[in-house]
PDB file of N, CA and C in Angstrom:
ATOM      1  N   MET A   1     119.012  87.332-151.320  1.00  0.00           N
ATOM      2  CA  MET A   1     120.255  87.377-150.567  1.00  0.00           C
ATOM      3  C   MET A   1     120.725  88.832-150.566  1.00  0.00           C
ATOM      4  N   ASN A   2     120.948  89.396-149.378  1.00  0.00           N
ATOM      5  CA  ASN A   2     121.406  90.773-149.317  1.00  0.00           C
ATOM      6  C   ASN A   2     122.931  90.840-149.428  1.00  0.00           C
ATOM      7  N   HIS A   3     123.455  92.061-149.468  1.00  0.00           N
ATOM      8  CA  HIS A   3     124.890  92.285-149.656  1.00  0.00           C
ATOM      9  C   HIS A   3     125.715  91.648-148.546  1.00  0.00           C
ATOM     10  N   GLN A   4     125.288  91.793-147.284  1.00  0.00           N
ATOM     11  CA  GLN A   4     126.032  91.232-146.155  1.00  0.00           C
ATOM     12  C   GLN A   4     126.065  89.704-146.235  1.00  0.00           C
ATOM     13  N   ASP A   5     124.927  89.090-146.582  1.00  0.00           N
ATOM     14  CA  ASP A   5     124.892  87.640-146.719  1.00  0.00           C
ATOM     15  C   ASP A   5     125.865  87.177-147.798  1.00  0.00           C
ATOM     16  N   PHE A   6     125.905  87.923-148.911  1.00  0.00           N
ATOM     17  CA  PHE A   6     126.804  87.566-150.003  1.00  0.00           C
ATOM     18  C   PHE A   6     128.260  87.671-149.552  1.00  0.00           C
ATOM     19  N   GLU A   7     128.605  88.759-148.826  1.00  0.00           N
ATOM     20  CA  GLU A   7     129.975  88.925-148.344  1.00  0.00           C
ATOM     21  C   GLU A   7     130.356  87.810-147.378  1.00  0.00           C
ATOM     22  N   GLU A   8     129.454  87.441-146.485  1.00  0.00           N
ATOM     23  CA  GLU A   8     129.748  86.375-145.525  1.00  0.00           C
ATOM     24  C   GLU A   8     129.929  85.048-146.235  1.00  0.00           C
ATOM     25  N   LEU A   9     129.088  84.771-147.235  1.00  0.00           N
ATOM     26  CA  LEU A   9     129.207  83.536-147.990  1.00  0.00           C
ATOM     27  C   LEU A   9     130.528  83.518-148.744  1.00  0.00           C
ATOM     28  N   SER A  10     130.893  84.637-149.356  1.00  0.00           N
ATOM     29  CA  SER A  10     132.151  84.721-150.082  1.00  0.00           C
ATOM     30  C   SER A  10     133.333  84.513-149.151  1.00  0.00           C
ATOM     31  N   ALA A  11     133.299  85.117-147.976  1.00  0.00           N
ATOM     32  CA  ALA A  11     134.393  84.963-147.018  1.00  0.00           C
ATOM     33  C   ALA A  11     134.496  83.516-146.556  1.00  0.00           C
ATOM     34  N   GLN A  12     133.358  82.870-146.319  1.00  0.00           N
ATOM     35  CA  GLN A  12     133.364  81.462-145.910  1.00  0.00           C
ATOM     36  C   GLN A  12     134.021  80.612-146.973  1.00  0.00           C
ATOM     37  N   GLU A  13     133.616  80.808-148.212  1.00  0.00           N
ATOM     38  CA  GLU A  13     134.182  80.026-149.304  1.00  0.00           C
ATOM     39  C   GLU A  13     135.666  80.292-149.442  1.00  0.00           C
ATOM     40  N   SER A  14     136.073  81.548-149.297  1.00  0.00           N
ATOM     41  CA  SER A  14     137.482  81.909-149.438  1.00  0.00           C
ATOM     42  C   SER A  14     138.333  81.257-148.367  1.00  0.00           C
ATOM     43  N   LEU A  15     137.866  81.271-147.118  1.00  0.00           N
ATOM     44  CA  LEU A  15     138.650  80.649-146.054  1.00  0.00           C
ATOM     45  C   LEU A  15     138.715  79.141-146.227  1.00  0.00           C
ATOM     46  N   ALA A  16     137.639  78.549-146.714  1.00  0.00           N
ATOM     47  CA  ALA A  16     137.668  77.110-146.977  1.00  0.00           C
ATOM     48  C   ALA A  16     138.643  76.810-148.109  1.00  0.00           C
ATOM     49  N   ASP A  17     138.711  77.702-149.099  1.00  0.00           N
ATOM     50  CA  ASP A  17     139.639  77.526-150.206  1.00  0.00           C
ATOM     51  C   ASP A  17     141.091  77.668-149.774  1.00  0.00           C
ATOM     52  N   ALA A  18     141.336  78.302-148.638  1.00  0.00           N
ATOM     53  CA  ALA A  18     142.705  78.500-148.157  1.00  0.00           C
ATOM     54  C   ALA A  18     143.424  77.174-147.975  1.00  0.00           C
ATOM     55  N   ILE A  19     142.683  76.133-147.686  1.00  0.00           N
ATOM     56  CA  ILE A  19     143.269  74.806-147.505  1.00  0.00           C
ATOM     57  C   ILE A  19     143.928  74.330-148.796  1.00  0.00           C
ATOM     58  N   ASN A  20     143.355  74.717-149.925  1.00  0.00           N
ATOM     59  CA  ASN A  20     143.854  74.262-151.220  1.00  0.00           C
ATOM     60  C   ASN A  20     144.867  75.200-151.858  1.00  0.00           C
ATOM     61  N   LEU A  21     145.335  76.191-151.130  1.00  0.00           N
ATOM     62  CA  LEU A  21     146.310  77.130-151.669  1.00  0.00           C
ATOM     63  C   LEU A  21     147.671  76.468-151.833  1.00  0.00           C
ATOM     64  N   PRO A  22     148.501  77.043-152.700  1.00  0.00           N
ATOM     65  CA  PRO A  22     149.892  76.573-152.765  1.00  0.00           C
ATOM     66  C   PRO A  22     150.550  76.741-151.393  1.00  0.00           C
ATOM     67  N   ASP A  23     151.555  75.935-151.118  1.00  0.00           N
ATOM     68  CA  ASP A  23     152.176  75.893-149.791  1.00  0.00           C
ATOM     69  C   ASP A  23     152.565  77.265-149.245  1.00  0.00           C
ATOM     70  N   GLU A  24     153.278  78.067-150.041  1.00  0.00           N
ATOM     71  CA  GLU A  24     153.733  79.365-149.539  1.00  0.00           C
ATOM     72  C   GLU A  24     152.559  80.256-149.154  1.00  0.00           C
ATOM     73  N   GLN A  25     151.528  80.285-149.984  1.00  0.00           N
ATOM     74  CA  GLN A  25     150.361  81.118-149.689  1.00  0.00           C
ATOM     75  C   GLN A  25     149.607  80.597-148.472  1.00  0.00           C
ATOM     76  N   ARG A  26     149.463  79.293-148.368  1.00  0.00           N
ATOM     77  CA  ARG A  26     148.770  78.711-147.210  1.00  0.00           C
ATOM     78  C   ARG A  26     149.519  79.036-145.923  1.00  0.00           C
ATOM     79  N   GLN A  27     150.845  78.948-145.956  1.00  0.00           N
ATOM     80  CA  GLN A  27     151.641  79.272-144.770  1.00  0.00           C
ATOM     81  C   GLN A  27     151.489  80.744-144.391  1.00  0.00           C
ATOM     82  N   ILE A  28     151.456  81.612-145.395  1.00  0.00           N
ATOM     83  CA  ILE A  28     151.264  83.036-145.124  1.00  0.00           C
ATOM     84  C   ILE A  28     149.906  83.269-144.486  1.00  0.00           C
ATOM     85  N   VAL A  29     148.866  82.661-145.042  1.00  0.00           N
ATOM     86  CA  VAL A  29     147.503  82.850-144.517  1.00  0.00           C
ATOM     87  C   VAL A  29     147.397  82.344-143.086  1.00  0.00           C
ATOM     88  N   THR A  30     147.888  81.164-142.817  1.00  0.00           N
ATOM     89  CA  THR A  30     147.758  80.623-141.458  1.00  0.00           C
ATOM     90  C   THR A  30     148.552  81.465-140.465  1.00  0.00           C
ATOM     91  N   TRP A  31     149.700  81.972-140.886  1.00  0.00           N
ATOM     92  CA  TRP A  31     150.494  82.826-140.002  1.00  0.00           C
ATOM     93  C   TRP A  31     149.779  84.153-139.747  1.00  0.00           C
ATOM     94  N   ILE A  32     149.209  84.746-140.796  1.00  0.00           N
ATOM     95  CA  ILE A  32     148.471  86.003-140.627  1.00  0.00           C
ATOM     96  C   ILE A  32     147.263  85.790-139.710  1.00  0.00           C
ATOM     97  N   ILE A  33     146.589  84.677-139.836  1.00  0.00           N
ATOM     98  CA  ILE A  33     145.446  84.388-138.959  1.00  0.00           C
ATOM     99  C   ILE A  33     145.902  84.334-137.503  1.00  0.00           C
ATOM    100  N   ARG A  34     147.032  83.701-137.255  1.00  0.00           N
ATOM    101  CA  ARG A  34     147.539  83.625-135.874  1.00  0.00           C
ATOM    102  C   ARG A  34     147.990  84.986-135.355  1.00  0.00           C
ATOM    103  N   GLN A  35     148.607  85.794-136.212  1.00  0.00           N
ATOM    104  CA  GLN A  35     149.117  87.095-135.789  1.00  0.00           C
ATOM    105  C   GLN A  35     148.018  88.164-135.745  1.00  0.00           C
ATOM    106  N   GLN A  36     147.004  88.003-136.554  1.00  0.00           N
ATOM    107  CA  GLN A  36     145.859  88.916-136.685  1.00  0.00           C
ATOM    108  C   GLN A  36     146.137  90.172-137.499  1.00  0.00           C
ATOM    109  N   LYS A  37     147.344  90.708-137.441  1.00  0.00           N
ATOM    110  CA  LYS A  37     147.633  91.959-138.138  1.00  0.00           C
ATOM    111  C   LYS A  37     149.139  92.040-138.355  1.00  0.00           C
ATOM    112  N   VAL A  38     149.569  92.105-139.621  1.00  0.00           N
ATOM    113  CA  VAL A  38     151.000  92.104-139.919  1.00  0.00           C
ATOM    114  C   VAL A  38     151.325  93.123-141.011  1.00  0.00           C
ATOM    115  N   THR A  39     152.588  93.514-141.059  1.00  0.00           N
ATOM    116  CA  THR A  39     153.073  94.399-142.115  1.00  0.00           C
ATOM    117  C   THR A  39     153.741  93.558-143.201  1.00  0.00           C
ATOM    118  N   LEU A  40     153.985  94.184-144.325  1.00  0.00           N
ATOM    119  CA  LEU A  40     154.703  93.521-145.410  1.00  0.00           C
ATOM    120  C   LEU A  40     156.072  93.058-144.921  1.00  0.00           C
ATOM    121  N   GLU A  41     156.752  93.909-144.193  1.00  0.00           N
ATOM    122  CA  GLU A  41     158.086  93.579-143.699  1.00  0.00           C
ATOM    123  C   GLU A  41     158.054  92.358-142.779  1.00  0.00           C
ATOM    124  N   GLU A  42     157.029  92.261-141.945  1.00  0.00           N
ATOM    125  CA  GLU A  42     156.913  91.108-141.050  1.00  0.00           C
ATOM    126  C   GLU A  42     156.691  89.821-141.839  1.00  0.00           C
ATOM    127  N   VAL A  43     155.916  89.898-142.905  1.00  0.00           N
ATOM    128  CA  VAL A  43     155.682  88.705-143.742  1.00  0.00           C
ATOM    129  C   VAL A  43     156.984  88.298-144.426  1.00  0.00           C
ATOM    130  N   ILE A  44     157.732  89.277-144.901  1.00  0.00           N
ATOM    131  CA  ILE A  44     159.014  88.984-145.556  1.00  0.00           C
ATOM    132  C   ILE A  44     159.956  88.279-144.594  1.00  0.00           C
ATOM    133  N   VAL A  45     160.076  88.805-143.374  1.00  0.00           N
ATOM    134  CA  VAL A  45     160.962  88.196-142.369  1.00  0.00           C
ATOM    135  C   VAL A  45     160.478  86.786-142.032  1.00  0.00           C
ATOM    136  N   HIS A  46     159.176  86.633-141.835  1.00  0.00           N
ATOM    137  CA  HIS A  46     158.634  85.322-141.449  1.00  0.00           C
ATOM    138  C   HIS A  46     158.851  84.273-142.540  1.00  0.00           C
ATOM    139  N   THR A  47     158.618  84.653-143.791  1.00  0.00           N
ATOM    140  CA  THR A  47     158.695  83.681-144.889  1.00  0.00           C
ATOM    141  C   THR A  47     160.095  83.507-145.453  1.00  0.00           C
ATOM    142  N   ASN A  48     160.944  84.520-145.218  1.00  0.00           N
ATOM    143  CA  ASN A  48     162.291  84.510-145.797  1.00  0.00           C
ATOM    144  C   ASN A  48     162.237  84.475-147.324  1.00  0.00           C
ATOM    145  N   LEU A  49     161.227  85.141-147.894  1.00  0.00           N
ATOM    146  CA  LEU A  49     161.072  85.240-149.343  1.00  0.00           C
ATOM    147  C   LEU A  49     161.382  86.661-149.790  1.00  0.00           C
ATOM    148  N   ALA A  50     161.655  86.822-151.067  1.00  0.00           N
ATOM    149  CA  ALA A  50     161.914  88.142-151.631  1.00  0.00           C
ATOM    150  C   ALA A  50     160.642  88.997-151.551  1.00  0.00           C
ATOM    151  N   GLU A  51     160.837  90.300-151.419  1.00  0.00           N
ATOM    152  CA  GLU A  51     159.706  91.231-151.284  1.00  0.00           C
ATOM    153  C   GLU A  51     158.729  91.106-152.453  1.00  0.00           C
ATOM    154  N   GLU A  52     159.237  90.971-153.666  1.00  0.00           N
ATOM    155  CA  GLU A  52     158.372  90.879-154.845  1.00  0.00           C
ATOM    156  C   GLU A  52     157.469  89.646-154.787  1.00  0.00           C
ATOM    157  N   ILE A  53     158.033  88.551-154.323  1.00  0.00           N
ATOM    158  CA  ILE A  53     157.255  87.310-154.221  1.00  0.00           C
ATOM    159  C   ILE A  53     156.177  87.450-153.156  1.00  0.00           C
ATOM    160  N   VAL A  54     156.547  88.019-152.009  1.00  0.00           N
ATOM    161  CA  VAL A  54     155.580  88.212-150.928  1.00  0.00           C
ATOM    162  C   VAL A  54     154.460  89.133-151.388  1.00  0.00           C
ATOM    163  N   GLN A  55     154.804  90.212-152.074  1.00  0.00           N
ATOM    164  CA  GLN A  55     153.780  91.131-152.560  1.00  0.00           C
ATOM    165  C   GLN A  55     152.816  90.442-153.518  1.00  0.00           C
ATOM    166  N   LYS A  56     153.338  89.609-154.407  1.00  0.00           N
ATOM    167  CA  LYS A  56     152.465  88.873-155.342  1.00  0.00           C
ATOM    168  C   LYS A  56     151.539  87.933-154.585  1.00  0.00           C
ATOM    169  N   HIS A  57     152.078  87.224-153.582  1.00  0.00           N
ATOM    170  CA  HIS A  57     151.238  86.328-152.777  1.00  0.00           C
ATOM    171  C   HIS A  57     150.141  87.119-152.069  1.00  0.00           C
ATOM    172  N   LEU A  58     150.511  88.247-151.469  1.00  0.00           N
ATOM    173  CA  LEU A  58     149.520  89.056-150.746  1.00  0.00           C
ATOM    174  C   LEU A  58     148.455  89.600-151.699  1.00  0.00           C
ATOM    175  N   GLU A  59     148.860  90.055-152.864  1.00  0.00           N
ATOM    176  CA  GLU A  59     147.902  90.548-153.856  1.00  0.00           C
ATOM    177  C   GLU A  59     146.918  89.448-154.262  1.00  0.00           C
ATOM    178  N   THR A  60     147.445  88.251-154.464  1.00  0.00           N
ATOM    179  CA  THR A  60     146.584  87.112-154.831  1.00  0.00           C
ATOM    180  C   THR A  60     145.600  86.804-153.713  1.00  0.00           C
ATOM    181  N   LEU A  61     146.090  86.784-152.479  1.00  0.00           N
ATOM    182  CA  LEU A  61     145.230  86.465-151.332  1.00  0.00           C
ATOM    183  C   LEU A  61     144.172  87.541-151.106  1.00  0.00           C
ATOM    184  N   ILE A  62     144.529  88.792-151.362  1.00  0.00           N
ATOM    185  CA  ILE A  62     143.547  89.878-151.255  1.00  0.00           C
ATOM    186  C   ILE A  62     142.501  89.723-152.346  1.00  0.00           C
ATOM    187  N   PHE A  63     142.935  89.463-153.560  1.00  0.00           N
ATOM    188  CA  PHE A  63     142.016  89.280-154.683  1.00  0.00           C
ATOM    189  C   PHE A  63     141.036  88.139-154.418  1.00  0.00           C
ATOM    190  N   GLN A  64     141.517  87.070-153.789  1.00  0.00           N
ATOM    191  CA  GLN A  64     140.671  85.922-153.484  1.00  0.00           C
ATOM    192  C   GLN A  64     139.781  86.170-152.269  1.00  0.00           C
ATOM    193  N   GLY A  65     139.987  87.288-151.575  1.00  0.00           N
ATOM    194  CA  GLY A  65     139.153  87.625-150.428  1.00  0.00           C
ATOM    195  C   GLY A  65     139.527  86.900-149.149  1.00  0.00           C
ATOM    196  N   ILE A  66     140.727  86.346-149.087  1.00  0.00           N
ATOM    197  CA  ILE A  66     141.152  85.589-147.913  1.00  0.00           C
ATOM    198  C   ILE A  66     141.746  86.513-146.856  1.00  0.00           C
ATOM    199  N   ILE A  67     142.491  87.518-147.318  1.00  0.00           N
ATOM    200  CA  ILE A  67     143.012  88.527-146.399  1.00  0.00           C
ATOM    201  C   ILE A  67     142.580  89.894-146.904  1.00  0.00           C
ATOM    202  N   GLN A  68     142.770  90.888-146.058  1.00  0.00           N
ATOM    203  CA  GLN A  68     142.454  92.252-146.464  1.00  0.00           C
ATOM    204  C   GLN A  68     143.570  93.186-146.044  1.00  0.00           C
ATOM    205  N   GLU A  69     143.661  94.283-146.765  1.00  0.00           N
ATOM    206  CA  GLU A  69     144.668  95.289-146.478  1.00  0.00           C
ATOM    207  C   GLU A  69     143.991  96.422-145.726  1.00  0.00           C
ATOM    208  N   SER A  70     144.649  96.936-144.708  1.00  0.00           N
ATOM    209  CA  SER A  70     144.082  98.070-143.975  1.00  0.00           C
ATOM    210  C   SER A  70     145.151  99.130-143.796  1.00  0.00           C
ATOM    211  N   ASN A  71     144.726 100.376-143.889  1.00  0.00           N
ATOM    212  CA  ASN A  71     145.628 101.509-143.729  1.00  0.00           C
ATOM    213  C   ASN A  71     145.381 102.143-142.380  1.00  0.00           C
ATOM    214  N   GLU A  72     146.440 102.320-141.628  1.00  0.00           N
ATOM    215  CA  GLU A  72     146.349 102.968-140.322  1.00  0.00           C
ATOM    216  C   GLU A  72     146.456 104.478-140.510  1.00  0.00           C
ATOM    217  N   ASN A  73     146.075 105.227-139.493  1.00  0.00           N
ATOM    218  CA  ASN A  73     146.187 106.685-139.534  1.00  0.00           C
ATOM    219  C   ASN A  73     147.630 107.131-139.759  1.00  0.00           C
ATOM    220  N   SER A  74     148.567 106.329-139.286  1.00  0.00           N
ATOM    221  CA  SER A  74     149.984 106.663-139.440  1.00  0.00           C
ATOM    222  C   SER A  74     150.476 106.461-140.865  1.00  0.00           C
ATOM    223  N   GLY A  75     149.630 105.890-141.715  1.00  0.00           N
ATOM    224  CA  GLY A  75     150.021 105.615-143.084  1.00  0.00           C
ATOM    225  C   GLY A  75     150.555 104.216-143.279  1.00  0.00           C
ATOM    226  N   ALA A  76     150.730 103.476-142.191  1.00  0.00           N
ATOM    227  CA  ALA A  76     151.223 102.099-142.276  1.00  0.00           C
ATOM    228  C   ALA A  76     150.151 101.195-142.877  1.00  0.00           C
ATOM    229  N   ILE A  77     150.599 100.232-143.667  1.00  0.00           N
ATOM    230  CA  ILE A  77     149.686  99.271-144.286  1.00  0.00           C
ATOM    231  C   ILE A  77     149.830  97.939-143.566  1.00  0.00           C
ATOM    232  N   TYR A  78     148.693  97.372-143.190  1.00  0.00           N
ATOM    233  CA  TYR A  78     148.664  96.081-142.508  1.00  0.00           C
ATOM    234  C   TYR A  78     147.831  95.089-143.301  1.00  0.00           C
ATOM    235  N   TYR A  79     148.124  93.834-143.094  1.00  0.00           N
ATOM    236  CA  TYR A  79     147.365  92.746-143.701  1.00  0.00           C
ATOM    237  C   TYR A  79     146.751  91.943-142.570  1.00  0.00           C
ATOM    238  N   GLN A  80     145.498  91.594-142.726  1.00  0.00           N
ATOM    239  CA  GLN A  80     144.813  90.821-141.696  1.00  0.00           C
ATOM    240  C   GLN A  80     143.825  89.866-142.349  1.00  0.00           C
ATOM    241  N   PRO A  81     143.469  88.817-141.609  1.00  0.00           N
ATOM    242  CA  PRO A  81     142.529  87.853-142.181  1.00  0.00           C
ATOM    243  C   PRO A  81     141.170  88.497-142.397  1.00  0.00           C
ATOM    244  N   ARG A  82     140.503  88.066-143.413  1.00  0.00           N
ATOM    245  CA  ARG A  82     139.145  88.533-143.685  1.00  0.00           C
ATOM    246  C   ARG A  82     138.212  87.470-143.133  1.00  0.00           C
ATOM    247  N   LEU A  83     137.928  87.598-141.858  1.00  0.00           N
ATOM    248  CA  LEU A  83     137.112  86.596-141.175  1.00  0.00           C
ATOM    249  C   LEU A  83     135.650  86.991-141.207  1.00  0.00           C
ATOM    250  N   ILE A  84     134.831  86.018-141.055  1.00  0.00           N
ATOM    251  CA  ILE A  84     133.389  86.203-141.078  1.00  0.00           C
ATOM    252  C   ILE A  84     132.931  86.730-139.735  1.00  0.00           C
ATOM    253  N   SER A  85     132.163  87.786-139.770  1.00  0.00           N
ATOM    254  CA  SER A  85     131.614  88.289-138.515  1.00  0.00           C
ATOM    255  C   SER A  85     130.445  87.408-138.109  1.00  0.00           C
ATOM    256  N   LYS A  86     130.242  87.309-136.813  1.00  0.00           N
ATOM    257  CA  LYS A  86     129.122  86.505-136.333  1.00  0.00           C
ATOM    258  C   LYS A  86     127.824  87.175-136.744  1.00  0.00           C
ATOM    259  N   LYS A  87     126.880  86.347-137.146  1.00  0.00           N
ATOM    260  CA  LYS A  87     125.581  86.890-137.529  1.00  0.00           C
ATOM    261  C   LYS A  87     124.867  87.445-136.318  1.00  0.00           C
ATOM    262  N   LYS A  88     124.258  88.582-136.520  1.00  0.00           N
ATOM    263  CA  LYS A  88     123.481  89.179-135.448  1.00  0.00           C
ATOM    264  C   LYS A  88     122.168  88.426-135.314  1.00  0.00           C
ATOM    265  N   SER A  89     121.700  88.380-134.117  1.00  0.00           N
ATOM    266  CA  SER A  89     120.431  87.724-133.864  1.00  0.00           C
ATOM    267  C   SER A  89     119.308  88.505-134.521  1.00  0.00           C
ATOM    268  N   ARG A  90     118.332  87.800-134.988  1.00  0.00           N
ATOM    269  CA  ARG A  90     117.182  88.450-135.607  1.00  0.00           C
ATOM    270  C   ARG A  90     116.081  88.726-134.591  1.00  0.00           C
ATOM    271  N   LEU A  91     116.332  88.331-133.343  1.00  0.00           N
ATOM    272  CA  LEU A  91     115.344  88.585-132.308  1.00  0.00           C
ATOM    273  C   LEU A  91     115.347  90.057-131.929  1.00  0.00           C
ATOM    274  N   ASN A  92     114.206  90.547-131.604  1.00  0.00           N
ATOM    275  CA  ASN A  92     114.055  91.927-131.184  1.00  0.00           C
ATOM    276  C   ASN A  92     114.847  92.177-129.903  1.00  0.00           C
ATOM    277  N   LYS A  93     115.440  93.384-129.783  1.00  0.00           N
ATOM    278  CA  LYS A  93     116.218  93.731-128.586  1.00  0.00           C
ATOM    279  C   LYS A  93     115.397  93.606-127.318  1.00  0.00           C
ATOM    280  N   ASN A  94     114.119  93.936-127.371  1.00  0.00           N
ATOM    281  CA  ASN A  94     113.253  93.860-126.190  1.00  0.00           C
ATOM    282  C   ASN A  94     113.151  92.430-125.669  1.00  0.00           C
ATOM    283  N   ILE A  95     113.149  91.481-126.575  1.00  0.00           N
ATOM    284  CA  ILE A  95     113.087  90.079-126.160  1.00  0.00           C
ATOM    285  C   ILE A  95     114.358  89.710-125.413  1.00  0.00           C
ATOM    286  N   TRP A  96     115.514  90.109-125.945  1.00  0.00           N
ATOM    287  CA  TRP A  96     116.789  89.815-125.286  1.00  0.00           C
ATOM    288  C   TRP A  96     116.868  90.469-123.926  1.00  0.00           C
ATOM    289  N   ASN A  97     116.348  91.686-123.822  1.00  0.00           N
ATOM    290  CA  ASN A  97     116.385  92.391-122.545  1.00  0.00           C
ATOM    291  C   ASN A  97     115.528  91.684-121.484  1.00  0.00           C
ATOM    292  N   LYS A  98     114.450  91.051-121.892  1.00  0.00           N
ATOM    293  CA  LYS A  98     113.580  90.368-120.946  1.00  0.00           C
ATOM    294  C   LYS A  98     114.118  88.984-120.553  1.00  0.00           C
ATOM    295  N   LEU A  99     115.014  88.449-121.369  1.00  0.00           N
ATOM    296  CA  LEU A  99     115.599  87.150-121.040  1.00  0.00           C
ATOM    297  C   LEU A  99     116.611  87.373-120.005  1.00  0.00           C
TER     298      LEU A  99
END
């Protein structure tokens, strides 16, 4: 099993585990999946929870591999779902070009 296969398997398991999360965390995850990219402030407004609680939830979800944190060039921090990328075909490019 190569590194990419392991990451994809881990992401699959993590997203499946999202169903079993505590209510607040599950709601955060499903909302982030729908929004695709959110800031800490947006999560706070959406959940109506204290900043410290939201930060703990986000840290837990990042640790579990369900969401990921990304830094923009502007210095802003965003949270987004850690979704599985589609597997690339193992067929040679020449075969695809002839199809």
